[in-house]
Amino acid sequence: METGKLIFVTGGVRSGKSAYAEKMAVDLGKKLGSNLHYMACGVPSDEEMVARIARHREDRQNASAPWKTWECPYHLQRIAKHFTKQDILVLDCVTTLLNNYLFDRALDEPEQVISCILMDVACLQENSAGLIVVSNEVAQGLTTEEPFTRMYQYILGNVHQGIVDQADTAYLVENGLPICKKGVAQ
C-alpha cells in the first residue's frame, strides 16, 4: 500500500498551528475529494481542557467542510484500519499524545514512548491519503537540571525529529504565520 502524504506543523502555544493544519486539511481534502478526520488526543482532565475540547468540537462543527472526530488519547494505531486512501487526517497534537502515554499509560521508558508515538504516526500515514501532525515546541531552547523535564524534552525532540525525517513537508507556525522548513510550501 502506498504511504500517504505526511505534513508536520509545529509552533509555540497559541501560535495558530492547529488552525493552519485544519485549513490545510480542508484545502487538501477539497483538492483530492477526500473525507476529513480529526484525531483529538485531549483528555478532559480539568475545567480548562473541558472548555478547550468543547471549543475545538464547535469549531469543527461550524467549519466549511465536514469533519469526523476520533477522540483517542493514545495507541492511535488501533483506529488506523478505519481509514482509507480517500481520507485526510489531522492529529492534534503530539505533545498531548506524549502526555497521555507518560501519565495515563504510565510509560516511563523514553525509547518505548518514542516508539509508540512514531508507530501511531506511521500507521495513520499508511492508512490515509494524507496525515497532518500538529505539535508544540515546549520549552524550546530552555535547559534544566530537573530530570523529568529533561526526559520530556528528550522524548519530544526525538519524536519531532523522527516525524520530520519521514515528512514530505514541515512547518513552523509563529504568530499565525507558517514558515516552511522542509519540502515545498502548500
N, C-alpha and C. Protein backbone atom coordinates (compact mmCIF):
# COMPACT_ATOMS: atom_id res chain seq x y z
N MET A 1 0.84 -1.17 0.00
CA MET A 1 0.00 0.00 0.00
C MET A 1 0.89 1.24 0.00
N GLU A 2 0.57 2.19 -0.84
CA GLU A 2 1.33 3.42 -0.91
C GLU A 2 1.08 4.26 0.35
N THR A 3 2.15 4.81 0.91
CA THR A 3 2.04 5.63 2.11
C THR A 3 1.52 7.01 1.74
N GLY A 4 0.61 7.53 2.55
CA GLY A 4 0.05 8.85 2.32
C GLY A 4 1.04 9.96 2.61
N LYS A 5 0.67 11.15 2.20
CA LYS A 5 1.49 12.34 2.43
C LYS A 5 1.55 12.61 3.93
N LEU A 6 2.71 13.04 4.41
CA LEU A 6 2.89 13.40 5.82
C LEU A 6 3.34 14.85 5.91
N ILE A 7 2.57 15.64 6.66
CA ILE A 7 2.87 17.06 6.86
C ILE A 7 2.97 17.30 8.36
N PHE A 8 4.04 17.96 8.80
CA PHE A 8 4.26 18.25 10.21
C PHE A 8 4.10 19.75 10.42
N VAL A 9 3.31 20.13 11.44
CA VAL A 9 3.08 21.54 11.77
C VAL A 9 3.35 21.72 13.25
N THR A 10 4.31 22.57 13.57
CA THR A 10 4.66 22.81 14.96
C THR A 10 4.74 24.31 15.21
N GLY A 11 4.80 24.66 16.47
CA GLY A 11 4.91 26.06 16.86
C GLY A 11 4.68 26.18 18.35
N GLY A 12 4.76 27.39 18.84
CA GLY A 12 4.54 27.64 20.25
C GLY A 12 3.07 27.57 20.61
N VAL A 13 2.79 27.68 21.90
CA VAL A 13 1.42 27.67 22.40
C VAL A 13 0.69 28.87 21.80
N ARG A 14 -0.52 28.62 21.31
CA ARG A 14 -1.40 29.64 20.74
C ARG A 14 -0.78 30.36 19.53
N SER A 15 0.04 29.64 18.78
CA SER A 15 0.70 30.24 17.61
C SER A 15 -0.15 30.22 16.36
N GLY A 16 -1.25 29.46 16.36
CA GLY A 16 -2.10 29.33 15.18
C GLY A 16 -1.86 28.05 14.40
N LYS A 17 -1.09 27.14 14.98
CA LYS A 17 -0.72 25.92 14.26
C LYS A 17 -1.91 25.00 13.99
N SER A 18 -2.82 24.83 14.94
CA SER A 18 -3.98 23.97 14.71
C SER A 18 -4.89 24.54 13.64
N ALA A 19 -5.14 25.83 13.70
CA ALA A 19 -5.98 26.47 12.68
C ALA A 19 -5.34 26.32 11.30
N TYR A 20 -4.02 26.48 11.23
CA TYR A 20 -3.33 26.32 9.95
C TYR A 20 -3.43 24.88 9.45
N ALA A 21 -3.25 23.91 10.34
CA ALA A 21 -3.34 22.50 9.96
C ALA A 21 -4.74 22.16 9.47
N GLU A 22 -5.76 22.65 10.16
CA GLU A 22 -7.13 22.38 9.76
C GLU A 22 -7.44 22.99 8.39
N LYS A 23 -6.99 24.22 8.17
CA LYS A 23 -7.22 24.87 6.87
C LYS A 23 -6.51 24.09 5.76
N MET A 24 -5.29 23.66 6.03
CA MET A 24 -4.54 22.88 5.06
C MET A 24 -5.27 21.57 4.74
N ALA A 25 -5.81 20.93 5.77
CA ALA A 25 -6.55 19.67 5.57
C ALA A 25 -7.79 19.91 4.72
N VAL A 26 -8.53 20.97 5.00
CA VAL A 26 -9.73 21.29 4.22
C VAL A 26 -9.35 21.53 2.75
N ASP A 27 -8.31 22.32 2.53
CA ASP A 27 -7.87 22.60 1.15
C ASP A 27 -7.43 21.33 0.44
N LEU A 28 -6.65 20.51 1.11
CA LEU A 28 -6.18 19.25 0.52
C LEU A 28 -7.36 18.30 0.28
N GLY A 29 -8.29 18.27 1.23
CA GLY A 29 -9.47 17.43 1.09
C GLY A 29 -10.31 17.82 -0.12
N LYS A 30 -10.50 19.13 -0.33
CA LYS A 30 -11.26 19.60 -1.50
C LYS A 30 -10.54 19.23 -2.79
N LYS A 31 -9.23 19.42 -2.79
CA LYS A 31 -8.43 19.12 -3.98
C LYS A 31 -8.51 17.64 -4.36
N LEU A 32 -8.46 16.77 -3.35
CA LEU A 32 -8.44 15.32 -3.59
C LEU A 32 -9.82 14.66 -3.49
N GLY A 33 -10.84 15.43 -3.10
CA GLY A 33 -12.16 14.85 -2.88
C GLY A 33 -12.17 13.90 -1.70
N SER A 34 -11.45 14.26 -0.66
CA SER A 34 -11.25 13.37 0.50
C SER A 34 -12.19 13.69 1.64
N ASN A 35 -12.35 12.71 2.52
CA ASN A 35 -13.07 12.87 3.78
C ASN A 35 -12.08 13.42 4.81
N LEU A 36 -12.57 14.23 5.74
CA LEU A 36 -11.72 14.82 6.77
C LEU A 36 -11.96 14.15 8.11
N HIS A 37 -10.85 13.77 8.76
CA HIS A 37 -10.91 13.11 10.07
C HIS A 37 -9.96 13.83 11.02
N TYR A 38 -10.41 14.02 12.24
CA TYR A 38 -9.64 14.73 13.26
C TYR A 38 -9.34 13.78 14.41
N MET A 39 -8.06 13.51 14.64
CA MET A 39 -7.62 12.67 15.76
C MET A 39 -7.38 13.60 16.94
N ALA A 40 -8.32 13.65 17.86
CA ALA A 40 -8.22 14.52 19.04
C ALA A 40 -7.68 13.71 20.20
N CYS A 41 -6.54 14.12 20.73
CA CYS A 41 -5.88 13.37 21.81
C CYS A 41 -6.15 13.96 23.18
N GLY A 42 -6.82 15.11 23.24
CA GLY A 42 -7.06 15.76 24.51
C GLY A 42 -7.94 14.96 25.44
N VAL A 43 -7.63 15.00 26.70
CA VAL A 43 -8.39 14.33 27.75
C VAL A 43 -8.97 15.43 28.64
N PRO A 44 -10.28 15.38 28.92
CA PRO A 44 -10.90 16.43 29.74
C PRO A 44 -10.50 16.31 31.22
N SER A 45 -9.26 16.66 31.52
CA SER A 45 -8.69 16.45 32.85
C SER A 45 -8.98 17.57 33.84
N ASP A 46 -9.34 18.74 33.34
CA ASP A 46 -9.68 19.86 34.22
C ASP A 46 -10.64 20.79 33.47
N GLU A 47 -11.10 21.84 34.13
CA GLU A 47 -12.09 22.74 33.52
C GLU A 47 -11.56 23.39 32.25
N GLU A 48 -10.29 23.78 32.25
CA GLU A 48 -9.72 24.43 31.07
C GLU A 48 -9.73 23.47 29.87
N MET A 49 -9.33 22.21 30.10
CA MET A 49 -9.33 21.24 28.99
C MET A 49 -10.75 20.93 28.53
N VAL A 50 -11.69 20.86 29.44
CA VAL A 50 -13.09 20.64 29.05
C VAL A 50 -13.54 21.76 28.12
N ALA A 51 -13.23 22.99 28.49
CA ALA A 51 -13.62 24.15 27.67
C ALA A 51 -12.90 24.14 26.32
N ARG A 52 -11.60 23.81 26.32
CA ARG A 52 -10.85 23.79 25.05
C ARG A 52 -11.38 22.71 24.11
N ILE A 53 -11.68 21.52 24.67
CA ILE A 53 -12.21 20.44 23.85
C ILE A 53 -13.56 20.85 23.26
N ALA A 54 -14.41 21.45 24.08
CA ALA A 54 -15.73 21.90 23.60
C ALA A 54 -15.57 22.94 22.50
N ARG A 55 -14.65 23.88 22.68
CA ARG A 55 -14.42 24.92 21.67
C ARG A 55 -13.92 24.31 20.35
N HIS A 56 -13.00 23.36 20.45
CA HIS A 56 -12.48 22.71 19.24
C HIS A 56 -13.58 21.93 18.52
N ARG A 57 -14.42 21.23 19.28
CA ARG A 57 -15.54 20.49 18.67
C ARG A 57 -16.47 21.46 17.93
N GLU A 58 -16.79 22.57 18.59
CA GLU A 58 -17.68 23.55 17.98
C GLU A 58 -17.05 24.15 16.71
N ASP A 59 -15.76 24.44 16.76
CA ASP A 59 -15.06 24.98 15.59
C ASP A 59 -15.18 24.02 14.41
N ARG A 60 -14.99 22.71 14.65
CA ARG A 60 -15.09 21.74 13.56
C ARG A 60 -16.53 21.59 13.08
N GLN A 61 -17.49 21.67 13.98
CA GLN A 61 -18.90 21.58 13.58
C GLN A 61 -19.30 22.76 12.72
N ASN A 62 -18.70 23.92 12.95
CA ASN A 62 -19.02 25.13 12.20
C ASN A 62 -18.08 25.36 11.02
N ALA A 63 -17.21 24.42 10.74
CA ALA A 63 -16.22 24.56 9.67
C ALA A 63 -16.90 24.52 8.30
N SER A 64 -16.16 24.95 7.30
CA SER A 64 -16.68 24.99 5.92
C SER A 64 -16.75 23.60 5.30
N ALA A 65 -16.17 22.62 5.95
CA ALA A 65 -16.18 21.24 5.44
C ALA A 65 -16.51 20.30 6.61
N PRO A 66 -17.14 19.16 6.32
CA PRO A 66 -17.50 18.24 7.41
C PRO A 66 -16.30 17.45 7.93
N TRP A 67 -16.21 17.35 9.26
CA TRP A 67 -15.15 16.60 9.94
C TRP A 67 -15.77 15.43 10.70
N LYS A 68 -15.06 14.32 10.74
CA LYS A 68 -15.39 13.24 11.67
C LYS A 68 -14.30 13.25 12.73
N THR A 69 -14.70 13.38 13.97
CA THR A 69 -13.74 13.46 15.07
C THR A 69 -13.59 12.10 15.73
N TRP A 70 -12.34 11.73 15.97
CA TRP A 70 -11.98 10.49 16.67
C TRP A 70 -11.26 10.91 17.94
N GLU A 71 -11.87 10.67 19.08
CA GLU A 71 -11.23 11.00 20.35
C GLU A 71 -10.49 9.77 20.83
N CYS A 72 -9.18 9.85 20.71
CA CYS A 72 -8.33 8.70 21.01
C CYS A 72 -7.08 9.23 21.70
N PRO A 73 -6.94 9.03 23.00
CA PRO A 73 -5.83 9.64 23.74
C PRO A 73 -4.47 8.97 23.53
N TYR A 74 -4.44 7.71 23.05
CA TYR A 74 -3.17 7.01 22.83
C TYR A 74 -3.45 5.76 21.99
N HIS A 75 -2.38 5.11 21.57
CA HIS A 75 -2.47 3.91 20.72
C HIS A 75 -3.36 4.15 19.49
N LEU A 76 -3.04 5.19 18.76
CA LEU A 76 -3.83 5.57 17.59
C LEU A 76 -3.79 4.51 16.49
N GLN A 77 -2.79 3.64 16.54
CA GLN A 77 -2.72 2.58 15.53
C GLN A 77 -3.96 1.69 15.60
N ARG A 78 -4.64 1.67 16.76
CA ARG A 78 -5.86 0.85 16.90
C ARG A 78 -6.97 1.30 15.96
N ILE A 79 -7.02 2.59 15.64
CA ILE A 79 -8.09 3.10 14.79
C ILE A 79 -7.66 3.29 13.34
N ALA A 80 -6.41 3.05 13.04
CA ALA A 80 -5.88 3.30 11.69
C ALA A 80 -6.62 2.50 10.62
N LYS A 81 -7.09 1.32 10.95
CA LYS A 81 -7.76 0.47 9.95
C LYS A 81 -9.09 1.06 9.49
N HIS A 82 -9.60 2.06 10.18
CA HIS A 82 -10.87 2.69 9.81
C HIS A 82 -10.72 3.70 8.66
N PHE A 83 -9.49 3.97 8.25
CA PHE A 83 -9.26 5.00 7.24
C PHE A 83 -8.86 4.37 5.91
N THR A 84 -9.03 5.17 4.85
CA THR A 84 -8.69 4.72 3.50
C THR A 84 -7.89 5.80 2.80
N LYS A 85 -7.50 5.50 1.61
CA LYS A 85 -6.74 6.46 0.79
C LYS A 85 -7.62 7.62 0.31
N GLN A 86 -8.86 7.66 0.76
CA GLN A 86 -9.77 8.78 0.49
C GLN A 86 -9.85 9.73 1.68
N ASP A 87 -9.02 9.51 2.69
CA ASP A 87 -9.13 10.27 3.93
C ASP A 87 -7.90 11.15 4.19
N ILE A 88 -8.20 12.35 4.66
CA ILE A 88 -7.17 13.27 5.15
C ILE A 88 -7.35 13.33 6.67
N LEU A 89 -6.27 13.11 7.40
CA LEU A 89 -6.30 13.07 8.85
C LEU A 89 -5.51 14.22 9.45
N VAL A 90 -6.01 14.76 10.55
CA VAL A 90 -5.25 15.71 11.36
C VAL A 90 -5.08 15.09 12.74
N LEU A 91 -3.86 14.98 13.19
CA LEU A 91 -3.52 14.50 14.53
C LEU A 91 -3.16 15.71 15.38
N ASP A 92 -3.99 15.99 16.40
CA ASP A 92 -3.78 17.17 17.24
C ASP A 92 -3.85 16.73 18.69
N CYS A 93 -2.79 16.69 19.40
CA CYS A 93 -1.44 17.02 19.00
C CYS A 93 -0.45 16.08 19.66
N VAL A 94 0.77 16.09 19.17
CA VAL A 94 1.81 15.17 19.64
C VAL A 94 2.13 15.37 21.12
N THR A 95 2.18 16.61 21.58
CA THR A 95 2.53 16.81 22.99
C THR A 95 1.43 16.27 23.91
N THR A 96 0.19 16.39 23.50
CA THR A 96 -0.90 15.81 24.29
C THR A 96 -0.80 14.29 24.26
N LEU A 97 -0.52 13.73 23.09
CA LEU A 97 -0.33 12.28 22.97
C LEU A 97 0.82 11.82 23.87
N LEU A 98 1.92 12.55 23.86
CA LEU A 98 3.06 12.24 24.73
C LEU A 98 2.64 12.28 26.20
N ASN A 99 1.93 13.32 26.60
CA ASN A 99 1.46 13.41 27.99
C ASN A 99 0.59 12.22 28.35
N ASN A 100 -0.27 11.81 27.44
CA ASN A 100 -1.16 10.67 27.71
C ASN A 100 -0.37 9.38 27.90
N TYR A 101 0.66 9.18 27.09
CA TYR A 101 1.49 7.99 27.28
C TYR A 101 2.23 8.04 28.63
N LEU A 102 2.74 9.22 28.97
CA LEU A 102 3.50 9.33 30.22
C LEU A 102 2.62 9.23 31.45
N PHE A 103 1.47 9.89 31.43
CA PHE A 103 0.67 9.99 32.64
C PHE A 103 -0.49 8.98 32.68
N ASP A 104 -1.25 8.86 31.61
CA ASP A 104 -2.39 7.92 31.63
C ASP A 104 -1.92 6.47 31.51
N ARG A 105 -0.96 6.23 30.67
CA ARG A 105 -0.46 4.86 30.46
C ARG A 105 0.73 4.56 31.37
N ALA A 106 1.26 5.57 32.03
CA ALA A 106 2.38 5.44 32.98
C ALA A 106 3.61 4.78 32.35
N LEU A 107 3.85 5.10 31.09
CA LEU A 107 5.08 4.64 30.45
C LEU A 107 6.21 5.56 30.92
N ASP A 108 7.32 4.99 31.32
CA ASP A 108 8.41 5.83 31.80
C ASP A 108 9.74 5.54 31.11
N GLU A 109 9.73 4.67 30.13
CA GLU A 109 10.94 4.36 29.36
C GLU A 109 10.91 5.23 28.09
N PRO A 110 11.81 6.21 27.99
CA PRO A 110 11.77 7.13 26.86
C PRO A 110 11.71 6.45 25.49
N GLU A 111 12.52 5.43 25.26
CA GLU A 111 12.54 4.80 23.94
C GLU A 111 11.20 4.12 23.62
N GLN A 112 10.54 3.60 24.64
CA GLN A 112 9.22 2.98 24.44
C GLN A 112 8.18 4.03 24.05
N VAL A 113 8.21 5.18 24.70
CA VAL A 113 7.27 6.26 24.39
C VAL A 113 7.51 6.76 22.97
N ILE A 114 8.77 6.99 22.63
CA ILE A 114 9.12 7.43 21.28
C ILE A 114 8.60 6.43 20.25
N SER A 115 8.83 5.17 20.49
CA SER A 115 8.39 4.12 19.58
C SER A 115 6.88 4.10 19.43
N CYS A 116 6.14 4.23 20.52
CA CYS A 116 4.68 4.22 20.47
C CYS A 116 4.15 5.38 19.62
N ILE A 117 4.68 6.57 19.84
CA ILE A 117 4.20 7.74 19.11
C ILE A 117 4.55 7.62 17.63
N LEU A 118 5.78 7.23 17.31
CA LEU A 118 6.17 7.09 15.90
C LEU A 118 5.38 5.99 15.22
N MET A 119 5.02 4.92 15.94
CA MET A 119 4.18 3.87 15.39
C MET A 119 2.77 4.39 15.11
N ASP A 120 2.23 5.18 16.04
CA ASP A 120 0.92 5.80 15.81
C ASP A 120 0.92 6.60 14.52
N VAL A 121 1.93 7.45 14.36
CA VAL A 121 2.02 8.31 13.18
C VAL A 121 2.17 7.46 11.92
N ALA A 122 3.05 6.48 11.94
CA ALA A 122 3.28 5.64 10.76
C ALA A 122 2.02 4.89 10.34
N CYS A 123 1.28 4.35 11.30
CA CYS A 123 0.05 3.61 10.98
C CYS A 123 -1.01 4.52 10.38
N LEU A 124 -1.18 5.71 10.94
CA LEU A 124 -2.15 6.65 10.40
C LEU A 124 -1.75 7.10 8.99
N GLN A 125 -0.47 7.37 8.81
CA GLN A 125 0.01 7.80 7.49
C GLN A 125 -0.21 6.71 6.45
N GLU A 126 0.10 5.50 6.81
CA GLU A 126 -0.01 4.37 5.88
C GLU A 126 -1.45 4.14 5.43
N ASN A 127 -2.42 4.47 6.29
CA ASN A 127 -3.82 4.19 6.01
C ASN A 127 -4.61 5.44 5.63
N SER A 128 -3.97 6.41 4.99
CA SER A 128 -4.67 7.63 4.62
C SER A 128 -4.07 8.23 3.35
N ALA A 129 -4.79 9.18 2.78
CA ALA A 129 -4.25 9.93 1.65
C ALA A 129 -3.24 10.95 2.15
N GLY A 130 -3.45 11.41 3.38
CA GLY A 130 -2.55 12.39 3.95
C GLY A 130 -2.78 12.54 5.44
N LEU A 131 -1.71 12.75 6.16
CA LEU A 131 -1.75 12.95 7.61
C LEU A 131 -1.03 14.25 7.93
N ILE A 132 -1.73 15.14 8.64
CA ILE A 132 -1.14 16.39 9.11
C ILE A 132 -1.00 16.25 10.62
N VAL A 133 0.23 16.29 11.09
CA VAL A 133 0.55 16.11 12.51
C VAL A 133 0.88 17.48 13.12
N VAL A 134 0.16 17.82 14.19
CA VAL A 134 0.36 19.08 14.90
C VAL A 134 1.12 18.79 16.19
N SER A 135 2.07 19.68 16.53
CA SER A 135 2.78 19.54 17.79
C SER A 135 3.14 20.91 18.34
N ASN A 136 3.72 20.92 19.52
CA ASN A 136 4.15 22.15 20.20
C ASN A 136 5.65 22.13 20.40
N GLU A 137 6.22 23.30 20.41
CA GLU A 137 7.62 23.47 20.79
C GLU A 137 7.64 23.83 22.27
N VAL A 138 7.59 22.82 23.11
CA VAL A 138 7.53 23.00 24.55
C VAL A 138 8.94 23.20 25.10
N ALA A 139 9.11 24.31 25.81
CA ALA A 139 10.39 24.61 26.46
C ALA A 139 11.56 24.59 25.47
N GLN A 140 11.29 25.02 24.25
CA GLN A 140 12.34 25.04 23.23
C GLN A 140 13.48 25.96 23.67
N GLY A 141 14.68 25.42 23.63
CA GLY A 141 15.85 26.21 23.94
C GLY A 141 16.14 26.38 25.42
N LEU A 142 15.25 25.90 26.29
CA LEU A 142 15.48 26.01 27.72
C LEU A 142 16.26 24.81 28.21
N THR A 143 17.22 25.07 29.08
CA THR A 143 17.93 23.96 29.70
C THR A 143 17.47 23.85 31.14
N THR A 144 17.48 22.64 31.64
CA THR A 144 17.03 22.42 33.01
C THR A 144 17.81 21.25 33.60
N GLU A 145 17.92 21.25 34.88
CA GLU A 145 18.54 20.13 35.58
C GLU A 145 17.49 19.15 36.09
N GLU A 146 16.22 19.54 36.02
CA GLU A 146 15.13 18.71 36.54
C GLU A 146 15.00 17.46 35.67
N PRO A 147 15.16 16.26 36.23
CA PRO A 147 15.21 15.03 35.44
C PRO A 147 13.97 14.75 34.58
N PHE A 148 12.77 14.97 35.13
CA PHE A 148 11.59 14.67 34.33
C PHE A 148 11.49 15.61 33.12
N THR A 149 11.77 16.88 33.33
CA THR A 149 11.72 17.85 32.22
C THR A 149 12.75 17.51 31.16
N ARG A 150 13.94 17.10 31.59
CA ARG A 150 14.97 16.69 30.63
C ARG A 150 14.52 15.47 29.82
N MET A 151 13.90 14.50 30.50
CA MET A 151 13.40 13.32 29.80
C MET A 151 12.30 13.72 28.81
N TYR A 152 11.40 14.59 29.23
CA TYR A 152 10.31 15.05 28.37
C TYR A 152 10.87 15.71 27.11
N GLN A 153 11.83 16.61 27.30
CA GLN A 153 12.46 17.28 26.17
C GLN A 153 13.16 16.28 25.25
N TYR A 154 13.82 15.29 25.83
CA TYR A 154 14.49 14.25 25.04
C TYR A 154 13.48 13.50 24.19
N ILE A 155 12.39 13.07 24.81
CA ILE A 155 11.36 12.31 24.07
C ILE A 155 10.78 13.18 22.97
N LEU A 156 10.32 14.39 23.32
CA LEU A 156 9.67 15.25 22.33
C LEU A 156 10.61 15.61 21.19
N GLY A 157 11.85 15.93 21.51
CA GLY A 157 12.81 16.26 20.46
C GLY A 157 13.05 15.10 19.51
N ASN A 158 13.17 13.90 20.05
CA ASN A 158 13.37 12.73 19.21
C ASN A 158 12.13 12.37 18.39
N VAL A 159 10.96 12.54 18.99
CA VAL A 159 9.71 12.30 18.25
C VAL A 159 9.61 13.30 17.09
N HIS A 160 9.86 14.58 17.36
CA HIS A 160 9.80 15.59 16.30
C HIS A 160 10.78 15.25 15.18
N GLN A 161 12.00 14.89 15.54
CA GLN A 161 12.99 14.56 14.51
C GLN A 161 12.56 13.34 13.71
N GLY A 162 11.99 12.34 14.37
CA GLY A 162 11.52 11.15 13.67
C GLY A 162 10.39 11.45 12.71
N ILE A 163 9.46 12.30 13.12
CA ILE A 163 8.36 12.68 12.23
C ILE A 163 8.86 13.51 11.07
N VAL A 164 9.67 14.51 11.36
CA VAL A 164 10.18 15.39 10.29
C VAL A 164 11.03 14.59 9.30
N ASP A 165 11.77 13.62 9.78
CA ASP A 165 12.57 12.78 8.89
C ASP A 165 11.68 12.10 7.83
N GLN A 166 10.48 11.67 8.23
CA GLN A 166 9.56 10.99 7.32
C GLN A 166 8.64 11.94 6.57
N ALA A 167 8.53 13.20 7.04
CA ALA A 167 7.57 14.15 6.49
C ALA A 167 7.94 14.61 5.08
N ASP A 168 6.90 14.82 4.29
CA ASP A 168 7.08 15.46 2.99
C ASP A 168 7.31 16.95 3.16
N THR A 169 6.59 17.53 4.13
CA THR A 169 6.65 18.96 4.38
C THR A 169 6.60 19.19 5.88
N ALA A 170 7.32 20.21 6.35
CA ALA A 170 7.30 20.58 7.76
C ALA A 170 7.21 22.09 7.88
N TYR A 171 6.35 22.53 8.79
CA TYR A 171 6.12 23.97 9.00
C TYR A 171 6.34 24.33 10.46
N LEU A 172 6.86 25.52 10.67
CA LEU A 172 6.91 26.15 11.98
C LEU A 172 5.95 27.33 11.88
N VAL A 173 4.96 27.39 12.78
CA VAL A 173 4.00 28.49 12.77
C VAL A 173 4.35 29.43 13.91
N GLU A 174 4.54 30.69 13.57
CA GLU A 174 4.83 31.71 14.57
C GLU A 174 3.88 32.88 14.33
N ASN A 175 3.17 33.27 15.37
CA ASN A 175 2.24 34.40 15.28
C ASN A 175 1.25 34.26 14.13
N GLY A 176 0.81 33.04 13.89
CA GLY A 176 -0.16 32.77 12.84
C GLY A 176 0.44 32.67 11.45
N LEU A 177 1.76 32.81 11.34
CA LEU A 177 2.42 32.76 10.03
C LEU A 177 3.17 31.45 9.87
N PRO A 178 2.81 30.63 8.88
CA PRO A 178 3.53 29.38 8.65
C PRO A 178 4.85 29.62 7.90
N ILE A 179 5.91 28.99 8.40
CA ILE A 179 7.22 29.08 7.77
C ILE A 179 7.58 27.66 7.34
N CYS A 180 7.74 27.46 6.04
CA CYS A 180 8.08 26.12 5.55
C CYS A 180 9.55 25.83 5.84
N LYS A 181 9.79 24.76 6.60
CA LYS A 181 11.14 24.38 7.00
C LYS A 181 11.67 23.19 6.21
N LYS A 182 10.74 22.41 5.59
CA LYS A 182 11.15 21.26 4.79
C LYS A 182 10.12 21.08 3.70
N GLY A 183 10.59 20.72 2.50
CA GLY A 183 9.68 20.46 1.39
C GLY A 183 9.26 21.75 0.71
N VAL A 184 8.15 21.65 -0.04
CA VAL A 184 7.64 22.78 -0.79
C VAL A 184 6.34 23.23 -0.13
N ALA A 185 6.23 24.52 0.16
CA ALA A 185 5.04 25.05 0.81
C ALA A 185 3.80 24.77 0.00
N GLN A 186 2.71 24.45 0.67
CA GLN A 186 1.43 24.15 0.01
C GLN A 186 0.78 25.41 -0.48
